[in-house]
Amino acid sequence: MYLERSGQRLPARVGTHLQATDTVVTGADGSAGIAFVDNSLLSVGPNSVLAIERYAFNSTTHEGAFESSLRKGTLSVVSGKIAKQSPDAMK
C-alpha cells in the first residue's frame, strides 16, 4: 500500500497522516483502515484507488466537508460527525 501525494509515491504505515489531496492505493494483497478526526471510518479493499479530494472538520461545531472518490476497487464507510451534522457534506 502507498500514498500518491504531489506526484510522489510514499509508503503508508500505521499512523500515517493523510492530507486532503492524497490518493490511497492498495495492491492485490493490501487493504487499509483509515480513521478521520470526525470519527469517520473507511476500509479500503485490495486493488483499490481512493482519492481524498477534500476534508475539513471543525471539532467545535462538527461542521465540515468530506469529498472522496473511489476510482477502482472496494470501499466500506462508517460516517462520522460531518455526515451527522450535514448529510450532504459527505460525498
N, C-alpha and C. Protein backbone atom coordinates (compact mmCIF):
# COMPACT_ATOMS: atom_id res chain seq x y z
N MET A 1 0.85 -1.17 0.00
CA MET A 1 0.00 0.00 0.00
C MET A 1 0.89 1.23 0.00
N TYR A 2 0.44 2.26 -0.72
CA TYR A 2 1.19 3.50 -0.73
C TYR A 2 0.24 4.67 -0.94
N LEU A 3 0.78 5.87 -0.73
CA LEU A 3 0.04 7.11 -0.98
C LEU A 3 0.64 7.80 -2.18
N GLU A 4 -0.20 8.43 -2.97
CA GLU A 4 0.26 9.34 -4.00
C GLU A 4 0.01 10.74 -3.47
N ARG A 5 1.09 11.52 -3.36
CA ARG A 5 0.99 12.88 -2.83
C ARG A 5 1.90 13.79 -3.65
N SER A 6 1.29 14.78 -4.27
CA SER A 6 2.06 15.76 -5.06
C SER A 6 2.95 15.07 -6.09
N GLY A 7 2.42 14.04 -6.75
CA GLY A 7 3.16 13.35 -7.79
C GLY A 7 4.19 12.35 -7.30
N GLN A 8 4.27 12.13 -6.00
CA GLN A 8 5.24 11.18 -5.44
C GLN A 8 4.52 10.00 -4.80
N ARG A 9 5.19 8.85 -4.83
CA ARG A 9 4.69 7.67 -4.11
C ARG A 9 5.36 7.63 -2.75
N LEU A 10 4.55 7.54 -1.72
CA LEU A 10 5.06 7.48 -0.36
C LEU A 10 4.56 6.21 0.32
N PRO A 11 5.42 5.52 1.07
CA PRO A 11 4.94 4.34 1.79
C PRO A 11 3.92 4.75 2.85
N ALA A 12 2.90 3.95 3.01
CA ALA A 12 1.88 4.22 4.03
C ALA A 12 2.02 3.18 5.13
N ARG A 13 2.06 3.66 6.35
CA ARG A 13 2.20 2.78 7.51
C ARG A 13 1.15 3.16 8.55
N VAL A 14 1.00 2.33 9.55
CA VAL A 14 0.10 2.65 10.66
C VAL A 14 0.53 3.99 11.24
N GLY A 15 -0.44 4.89 11.40
CA GLY A 15 -0.15 6.21 11.96
C GLY A 15 0.16 7.28 10.94
N THR A 16 0.22 6.92 9.66
CA THR A 16 0.48 7.91 8.62
C THR A 16 -0.68 8.90 8.57
N HIS A 17 -0.37 10.19 8.55
CA HIS A 17 -1.39 11.23 8.47
C HIS A 17 -1.67 11.55 7.01
N LEU A 18 -2.94 11.48 6.63
CA LEU A 18 -3.33 11.80 5.26
C LEU A 18 -3.50 13.30 5.09
N GLN A 19 -3.26 13.76 3.88
CA GLN A 19 -3.54 15.14 3.52
C GLN A 19 -4.74 15.16 2.59
N ALA A 20 -5.36 16.31 2.46
CA ALA A 20 -6.63 16.43 1.74
C ALA A 20 -6.54 16.05 0.27
N THR A 21 -5.36 16.00 -0.30
CA THR A 21 -5.26 15.66 -1.72
C THR A 21 -4.55 14.33 -1.95
N ASP A 22 -4.43 13.50 -0.93
CA ASP A 22 -3.76 12.21 -1.06
C ASP A 22 -4.64 11.20 -1.79
N THR A 23 -3.97 10.26 -2.44
CA THR A 23 -4.64 9.11 -3.03
C THR A 23 -4.08 7.86 -2.38
N VAL A 24 -4.96 7.00 -1.89
CA VAL A 24 -4.57 5.75 -1.24
C VAL A 24 -4.66 4.64 -2.27
N VAL A 25 -3.57 3.88 -2.43
CA VAL A 25 -3.52 2.80 -3.41
C VAL A 25 -3.16 1.50 -2.70
N THR A 26 -3.99 0.48 -2.88
CA THR A 26 -3.70 -0.83 -2.29
C THR A 26 -3.43 -1.83 -3.40
N GLY A 27 -2.59 -2.81 -3.10
CA GLY A 27 -2.27 -3.86 -4.05
C GLY A 27 -3.19 -5.05 -3.88
N ALA A 28 -2.85 -6.13 -4.59
CA ALA A 28 -3.68 -7.34 -4.59
C ALA A 28 -3.84 -7.93 -3.19
N ASP A 29 -2.82 -7.83 -2.36
CA ASP A 29 -2.87 -8.38 -1.01
C ASP A 29 -3.02 -7.28 0.05
N GLY A 30 -3.33 -6.07 -0.38
CA GLY A 30 -3.36 -4.95 0.55
C GLY A 30 -4.76 -4.50 0.91
N SER A 31 -4.82 -3.78 2.01
CA SER A 31 -6.05 -3.13 2.45
C SER A 31 -5.63 -2.01 3.39
N ALA A 32 -6.56 -1.12 3.68
CA ALA A 32 -6.25 0.00 4.57
C ALA A 32 -7.46 0.35 5.40
N GLY A 33 -7.22 0.64 6.66
CA GLY A 33 -8.24 1.17 7.54
C GLY A 33 -7.87 2.61 7.85
N ILE A 34 -8.79 3.52 7.63
CA ILE A 34 -8.50 4.95 7.81
C ILE A 34 -9.51 5.54 8.77
N ALA A 35 -9.01 6.20 9.82
CA ALA A 35 -9.86 6.88 10.80
C ALA A 35 -9.61 8.38 10.70
N PHE A 36 -10.69 9.14 10.58
CA PHE A 36 -10.60 10.59 10.49
C PHE A 36 -11.00 11.22 11.82
N VAL A 37 -10.62 12.48 12.03
CA VAL A 37 -10.86 13.12 13.33
C VAL A 37 -12.34 13.33 13.64
N ASP A 38 -13.22 13.27 12.65
CA ASP A 38 -14.66 13.38 12.92
C ASP A 38 -15.27 12.02 13.23
N ASN A 39 -14.43 11.00 13.35
CA ASN A 39 -14.82 9.61 13.63
C ASN A 39 -15.36 8.88 12.42
N SER A 40 -15.19 9.41 11.21
CA SER A 40 -15.49 8.65 10.00
C SER A 40 -14.46 7.54 9.88
N LEU A 41 -14.92 6.36 9.48
CA LEU A 41 -14.03 5.21 9.31
C LEU A 41 -14.16 4.68 7.89
N LEU A 42 -13.04 4.49 7.22
CA LEU A 42 -13.03 3.96 5.87
C LEU A 42 -12.21 2.68 5.84
N SER A 43 -12.72 1.69 5.15
CA SER A 43 -12.00 0.44 4.94
C SER A 43 -11.82 0.26 3.44
N VAL A 44 -10.58 0.34 2.99
CA VAL A 44 -10.26 0.26 1.56
C VAL A 44 -9.80 -1.17 1.28
N GLY A 45 -10.44 -1.82 0.31
CA GLY A 45 -10.13 -3.20 -0.01
C GLY A 45 -8.94 -3.35 -0.94
N PRO A 46 -8.61 -4.60 -1.29
CA PRO A 46 -7.49 -4.87 -2.19
C PRO A 46 -7.72 -4.28 -3.58
N ASN A 47 -6.63 -4.01 -4.28
CA ASN A 47 -6.67 -3.48 -5.65
C ASN A 47 -7.57 -2.26 -5.76
N SER A 48 -7.41 -1.33 -4.85
CA SER A 48 -8.28 -0.15 -4.82
C SER A 48 -7.47 1.14 -4.95
N VAL A 49 -8.15 2.16 -5.46
CA VAL A 49 -7.58 3.50 -5.57
C VAL A 49 -8.63 4.47 -5.04
N LEU A 50 -8.32 5.13 -3.92
CA LEU A 50 -9.23 6.07 -3.28
C LEU A 50 -8.57 7.44 -3.22
N ALA A 51 -9.22 8.42 -3.84
CA ALA A 51 -8.71 9.80 -3.82
C ALA A 51 -9.46 10.60 -2.76
N ILE A 52 -8.71 11.17 -1.82
CA ILE A 52 -9.29 12.09 -0.84
C ILE A 52 -9.21 13.47 -1.47
N GLU A 53 -10.34 14.02 -1.83
CA GLU A 53 -10.35 15.28 -2.57
C GLU A 53 -10.48 16.50 -1.66
N ARG A 54 -11.19 16.33 -0.56
CA ARG A 54 -11.38 17.46 0.36
C ARG A 54 -11.76 16.91 1.73
N TYR A 55 -11.13 17.47 2.76
CA TYR A 55 -11.50 17.11 4.12
C TYR A 55 -11.29 18.32 5.01
N ALA A 56 -12.35 18.74 5.67
CA ALA A 56 -12.28 19.84 6.62
C ALA A 56 -13.27 19.53 7.74
N PHE A 57 -12.86 19.79 8.98
CA PHE A 57 -13.73 19.48 10.11
C PHE A 57 -13.48 20.46 11.24
N ASN A 58 -14.55 21.05 11.76
CA ASN A 58 -14.49 21.94 12.92
C ASN A 58 -14.95 21.12 14.12
N SER A 59 -14.05 20.85 15.04
CA SER A 59 -14.38 19.98 16.18
C SER A 59 -15.35 20.63 17.17
N THR A 60 -15.51 21.93 17.10
CA THR A 60 -16.44 22.62 17.99
C THR A 60 -17.87 22.54 17.47
N THR A 61 -18.06 22.85 16.19
CA THR A 61 -19.41 22.88 15.61
C THR A 61 -19.79 21.58 14.92
N HIS A 62 -18.80 20.72 14.68
CA HIS A 62 -18.97 19.46 13.93
C HIS A 62 -19.33 19.71 12.47
N GLU A 63 -19.14 20.91 11.99
CA GLU A 63 -19.37 21.21 10.58
C GLU A 63 -18.10 20.89 9.80
N GLY A 64 -18.31 20.57 8.54
CA GLY A 64 -17.16 20.29 7.70
C GLY A 64 -17.58 19.78 6.34
N ALA A 65 -16.60 19.26 5.62
CA ALA A 65 -16.83 18.70 4.30
C ALA A 65 -15.88 17.54 4.10
N PHE A 66 -16.39 16.50 3.45
CA PHE A 66 -15.59 15.32 3.18
C PHE A 66 -15.95 14.85 1.78
N GLU A 67 -15.01 14.97 0.86
CA GLU A 67 -15.23 14.54 -0.52
C GLU A 67 -14.12 13.57 -0.91
N SER A 68 -14.53 12.45 -1.44
CA SER A 68 -13.57 11.45 -1.92
C SER A 68 -14.17 10.73 -3.11
N SER A 69 -13.31 10.06 -3.86
CA SER A 69 -13.83 9.26 -4.98
C SER A 69 -13.06 7.95 -5.05
N LEU A 70 -13.82 6.88 -5.20
CA LEU A 70 -13.24 5.56 -5.36
C LEU A 70 -13.05 5.34 -6.86
N ARG A 71 -11.82 5.34 -7.30
CA ARG A 71 -11.53 5.21 -8.73
C ARG A 71 -11.48 3.75 -9.17
N LYS A 72 -11.23 2.88 -8.19
CA LYS A 72 -11.12 1.46 -8.50
C LYS A 72 -11.23 0.69 -7.20
N GLY A 73 -11.87 -0.48 -7.22
CA GLY A 73 -11.86 -1.36 -6.07
C GLY A 73 -13.07 -1.27 -5.18
N THR A 74 -12.84 -1.52 -3.88
CA THR A 74 -13.94 -1.58 -2.92
C THR A 74 -13.67 -0.65 -1.73
N LEU A 75 -14.77 -0.18 -1.15
CA LEU A 75 -14.69 0.75 -0.03
C LEU A 75 -15.90 0.55 0.87
N SER A 76 -15.65 0.50 2.16
CA SER A 76 -16.72 0.47 3.15
C SER A 76 -16.56 1.71 4.02
N VAL A 77 -17.69 2.38 4.33
CA VAL A 77 -17.63 3.65 5.06
C VAL A 77 -18.61 3.64 6.23
N VAL A 78 -18.14 4.09 7.37
CA VAL A 78 -18.99 4.42 8.51
C VAL A 78 -18.83 5.92 8.70
N SER A 79 -19.89 6.66 8.44
CA SER A 79 -19.79 8.12 8.50
C SER A 79 -19.66 8.60 9.94
N GLY A 80 -19.03 9.76 10.08
CA GLY A 80 -18.80 10.34 11.39
C GLY A 80 -19.63 11.59 11.61
N LYS A 81 -19.05 12.51 12.36
CA LYS A 81 -19.77 13.71 12.79
C LYS A 81 -20.11 14.66 11.64
N ILE A 82 -19.28 14.71 10.60
CA ILE A 82 -19.58 15.60 9.46
C ILE A 82 -20.93 15.22 8.85
N ALA A 83 -21.12 13.94 8.55
CA ALA A 83 -22.36 13.49 7.92
C ALA A 83 -23.55 13.59 8.88
N LYS A 84 -23.31 13.42 10.16
CA LYS A 84 -24.41 13.53 11.12
C LYS A 84 -24.89 14.98 11.23
N GLN A 85 -23.95 15.92 11.14
CA GLN A 85 -24.30 17.34 11.19
C GLN A 85 -24.99 17.79 9.90
N SER A 86 -24.46 17.32 8.76
CA SER A 86 -25.00 17.72 7.46
C SER A 86 -24.75 16.59 6.46
N PRO A 87 -25.74 15.72 6.22
CA PRO A 87 -25.55 14.56 5.36
C PRO A 87 -25.01 14.88 3.97
N ASP A 88 -25.35 16.03 3.42
CA ASP A 88 -24.88 16.39 2.09
C ASP A 88 -23.42 16.82 2.08
N ALA A 89 -22.79 16.97 3.23
CA ALA A 89 -21.40 17.42 3.31
C ALA A 89 -20.41 16.28 3.06
N MET A 90 -20.91 15.05 2.99
CA MET A 90 -20.04 13.90 2.73
C MET A 90 -20.40 13.30 1.39
N LYS A 91 -19.42 13.32 0.50
CA LYS A 91 -19.65 12.80 -0.87
C LYS A 91 -18.54 11.85 -1.26
